[in-house]
Amino acid sequence: MELKAHCWQSERPAMSGVDVLSDLIRAANRPDDLCNFERDKLLERAAETISDYREALNSVPTNNLGSGDIVFDLYSMAYAGNPPSHQAASEVMLRAVTDIRTLRIQMRRAHRLP
């Protein structure tokens, strides 16, 4: 097990949806760059971002926080006892990117944001 001297996520404050998108894309494309702590915190941030957008839009999926819901999957992976494979982590991160982008578009339409 390799110890990393610096975790690129650990010093960053809570971010907007745009920042979490760029972090998710970077992490999905380079999963070896994250330690377990960083990955788990990023997955949590993604879940919180999606939840916040859903709340702002009053949009709750039919399977809210059930198996198959992206928020459920992100939290499950973040709190799993065993680290997920790099491929599984990358896949769920890219799913989160798609959902966050979709929710941002809906927010712009609903609130006429630029």
C-alpha atoms as a PDB file:
ATOM      1  CA  MET A   1       0.000   0.000   0.000  1.00  0.00           C
ATOM      2  CA  GLU A   2       1.460   3.285  -1.076  1.00  0.00           C
ATOM      3  CA  LEU A   3       1.115   6.319   1.166  1.00  0.00           C
ATOM      4  CA  LYS A   4       0.645   9.639  -0.533  1.00  0.00           C
ATOM      5  CA  ALA A   5       2.183  12.750   0.905  1.00  0.00           C
ATOM      6  CA  HIS A   6      -0.647  14.975  -0.230  1.00  0.00           C
ATOM      7  CA  CYS A   7      -4.308  14.383  -0.911  1.00  0.00           C
ATOM      8  CA  TRP A   8      -5.485  16.832  -3.575  1.00  0.00           C
ATOM      9  CA  GLN A   9      -9.082  16.838  -2.315  1.00  0.00           C
ATOM     10  CA  SER A  10      -8.582  17.001   1.420  1.00  0.00           C
ATOM     11  CA  GLU A  11      -7.675  20.685   1.598  1.00  0.00           C
ATOM     12  CA  ARG A  12     -10.464  21.942  -0.633  1.00  0.00           C
ATOM     13  CA  PRO A  13     -13.582  23.507   0.874  1.00  0.00           C
ATOM     14  CA  ALA A  14     -17.109  22.563  -0.155  1.00  0.00           C
ATOM     15  CA  MET A  15     -17.528  23.364  -3.829  1.00  0.00           C
ATOM     16  CA  SER A  16     -20.225  24.337  -6.263  1.00  0.00           C
ATOM     17  CA  GLY A  17     -21.671  21.922  -8.797  1.00  0.00           C
ATOM     18  CA  VAL A  18     -19.171  23.118 -11.394  1.00  0.00           C
ATOM     19  CA  ASP A  19     -16.181  22.333  -9.180  1.00  0.00           C
ATOM     20  CA  VAL A  20     -17.474  18.929  -8.215  1.00  0.00           C
ATOM     21  CA  LEU A  21     -17.982  18.173 -11.920  1.00  0.00           C
ATOM     22  CA  SER A  22     -14.382  18.918 -12.791  1.00  0.00           C
ATOM     23  CA  ASP A  23     -13.161  16.943  -9.767  1.00  0.00           C
ATOM     24  CA  LEU A  24     -15.355  13.951 -10.689  1.00  0.00           C
ATOM     25  CA  ILE A  25     -14.178  13.956 -14.297  1.00  0.00           C
ATOM     26  CA  ARG A  26     -10.530  14.183 -13.251  1.00  0.00           C
ATOM     27  CA  ALA A  27     -10.945  11.418 -10.669  1.00  0.00           C
ATOM     28  CA  ALA A  28     -12.861   9.150 -13.067  1.00  0.00           C
ATOM     29  CA  ASN A  29     -10.113   9.492 -15.658  1.00  0.00           C
ATOM     30  CA  ARG A  30      -7.253   9.094 -13.176  1.00  0.00           C
ATOM     31  CA  PRO A  31      -8.541   6.919 -10.314  1.00  0.00           C
ATOM     32  CA  ASP A  32      -5.019   6.006  -9.165  1.00  0.00           C
ATOM     33  CA  ASP A  33      -4.424   9.647  -8.185  1.00  0.00           C
ATOM     34  CA  LEU A  34      -6.879   9.437  -5.278  1.00  0.00           C
ATOM     35  CA  CYS A  35      -6.352   7.849  -1.921  1.00  0.00           C
ATOM     36  CA  ASN A  36      -9.377   6.126  -0.352  1.00  0.00           C
ATOM     37  CA  PHE A  37     -10.151   9.151   1.841  1.00  0.00           C
ATOM     38  CA  GLU A  38     -10.156  11.506  -1.157  1.00  0.00           C
ATOM     39  CA  ARG A  39     -12.356   9.221  -3.225  1.00  0.00           C
ATOM     40  CA  ASP A  40     -14.852   8.789  -0.416  1.00  0.00           C
ATOM     41  CA  LYS A  41     -15.062  12.546   0.229  1.00  0.00           C
ATOM     42  CA  LEU A  42     -15.543  13.227  -3.485  1.00  0.00           C
ATOM     43  CA  LEU A  43     -18.316  10.630  -3.686  1.00  0.00           C
ATOM     44  CA  GLU A  44     -19.987  12.261  -0.662  1.00  0.00           C
ATOM     45  CA  ARG A  45     -19.699  15.718  -2.259  1.00  0.00           C
ATOM     46  CA  ALA A  46     -21.259  14.405  -5.459  1.00  0.00           C
ATOM     47  CA  ALA A  47     -24.156  12.838  -3.536  1.00  0.00           C
ATOM     48  CA  GLU A  48     -24.712  16.051  -1.568  1.00  0.00           C
ATOM     49  CA  THR A  49     -24.598  18.158  -4.738  1.00  0.00           C
ATOM     50  CA  ILE A  50     -27.197  15.983  -6.458  1.00  0.00           C
ATOM     51  CA  SER A  51     -29.388  15.997  -3.341  1.00  0.00           C
ATOM     52  CA  ASP A  52     -29.145  19.799  -3.108  1.00  0.00           C
ATOM     53  CA  TYR A  53     -30.132  20.255  -6.757  1.00  0.00           C
ATOM     54  CA  ARG A  54     -33.034  17.818  -6.370  1.00  0.00           C
ATOM     55  CA  GLU A  55     -34.236  19.665  -3.295  1.00  0.00           C
ATOM     56  CA  ALA A  56     -34.010  23.046  -5.034  1.00  0.00           C
ATOM     57  CA  LEU A  57     -36.012  21.671  -7.971  1.00  0.00           C
ATOM     58  CA  ASN A  58     -38.474  19.757  -5.788  1.00  0.00           C
ATOM     59  CA  SER A  59     -37.468  16.761  -7.867  1.00  0.00           C
ATOM     60  CA  VAL A  60     -37.498  13.402  -6.146  1.00  0.00           C
ATOM     61  CA  PRO A  61     -37.008  10.247  -8.235  1.00  0.00           C
ATOM     62  CA  THR A  62     -39.392   7.359  -7.694  1.00  0.00           C
ATOM     63  CA  ASN A  63     -36.595   5.217  -6.283  1.00  0.00           C
ATOM     64  CA  ASN A  64     -35.221   8.025  -4.116  1.00  0.00           C
ATOM     65  CA  LEU A  65     -32.316   6.719  -2.064  1.00  0.00           C
ATOM     66  CA  GLY A  66     -33.053   3.157  -3.085  1.00  0.00           C
ATOM     67  CA  SER A  67     -30.947   0.723  -5.016  1.00  0.00           C
ATOM     68  CA  GLY A  68     -30.225   2.142  -8.448  1.00  0.00           C
ATOM     69  CA  ASP A  69     -30.531   5.782  -7.380  1.00  0.00           C
ATOM     70  CA  ILE A  70     -27.272   7.628  -8.010  1.00  0.00           C
ATOM     71  CA  VAL A  71     -27.288   9.253  -4.560  1.00  0.00           C
ATOM     72  CA  PHE A  72     -27.754   5.856  -2.942  1.00  0.00           C
ATOM     73  CA  ASP A  73     -24.978   4.387  -5.084  1.00  0.00           C
ATOM     74  CA  LEU A  74     -22.576   7.243  -4.303  1.00  0.00           C
ATOM     75  CA  TYR A  75     -23.141   7.002  -0.548  1.00  0.00           C
ATOM     76  CA  SER A  76     -22.974   3.194  -0.633  1.00  0.00           C
ATOM     77  CA  MET A  77     -19.640   3.308  -2.395  1.00  0.00           C
ATOM     78  CA  ALA A  78     -18.287   6.059  -0.113  1.00  0.00           C
ATOM     79  CA  TYR A  79     -19.188   4.162   3.052  1.00  0.00           C
ATOM     80  CA  ALA A  80     -18.389   0.641   1.857  1.00  0.00           C
ATOM     81  CA  GLY A  81     -15.939  -1.184   4.049  1.00  0.00           C
ATOM     82  CA  ASN A  82     -13.921  -2.400   1.071  1.00  0.00           C
ATOM     83  CA  PRO A  83     -12.686   0.086  -1.505  1.00  0.00           C
ATOM     84  CA  PRO A  84     -14.390  -0.319  -4.888  1.00  0.00           C
ATOM     85  CA  SER A  85     -12.445  -1.231  -7.987  1.00  0.00           C
ATOM     86  CA  HIS A  86     -11.114   1.688  -9.995  1.00  0.00           C
ATOM     87  CA  GLN A  87     -13.505   0.792 -12.809  1.00  0.00           C
ATOM     88  CA  ALA A  88     -16.568   0.743 -10.526  1.00  0.00           C
ATOM     89  CA  ALA A  89     -15.573   4.059  -8.944  1.00  0.00           C
ATOM     90  CA  SER A  90     -14.993   5.637 -12.358  1.00  0.00           C
ATOM     91  CA  GLU A  91     -18.363   4.433 -13.634  1.00  0.00           C
ATOM     92  CA  VAL A  92     -20.332   5.815 -10.698  1.00  0.00           C
ATOM     93  CA  MET A  93     -18.424   9.108 -10.888  1.00  0.00           C
ATOM     94  CA  LEU A  94     -19.291   9.486 -14.573  1.00  0.00           C
ATOM     95  CA  ARG A  95     -22.950   8.687 -13.822  1.00  0.00           C
ATOM     96  CA  ALA A  96     -22.856  11.436 -11.196  1.00  0.00           C
ATOM     97  CA  VAL A  97     -21.388  13.858 -13.756  1.00  0.00           C
ATOM     98  CA  THR A  98     -24.273  13.146 -16.124  1.00  0.00           C
ATOM     99  CA  ASP A  99     -26.861  13.628 -13.384  1.00  0.00           C
ATOM    100  CA  ILE A 100     -25.307  16.860 -12.089  1.00  0.00           C
ATOM    101  CA  ARG A 101     -25.147  18.300 -15.614  1.00  0.00           C
ATOM    102  CA  THR A 102     -28.783  17.388 -16.217  1.00  0.00           C
ATOM    103  CA  LEU A 103     -29.855  18.925 -12.910  1.00  0.00           C
ATOM    104  CA  ARG A 104     -27.877  22.120 -13.653  1.00  0.00           C
ATOM    105  CA  ILE A 105     -29.696  22.442 -16.989  1.00  0.00           C
ATOM    106  CA  GLN A 106     -33.026  21.980 -15.214  1.00  0.00           C
ATOM    107  CA  MET A 107     -32.019  24.621 -12.649  1.00  0.00           C
ATOM    108  CA  ARG A 108     -31.174  27.080 -15.407  1.00  0.00           C
ATOM    109  CA  ARG A 109     -34.510  26.489 -17.103  1.00  0.00           C
ATOM    110  CA  ALA A 110     -36.496  26.670 -13.886  1.00  0.00           C
ATOM    111  CA  HIS A 111     -34.764  29.770 -12.593  1.00  0.00           C
ATOM    112  CA  ARG A 112     -33.693  31.290 -15.889  1.00  0.00           C
ATOM    113  CA  LEU A 113     -30.069  31.271 -14.797  1.00  0.00           C
ATOM    114  CA  PRO A 114     -27.305  31.982 -17.315  1.00  0.00           C
END
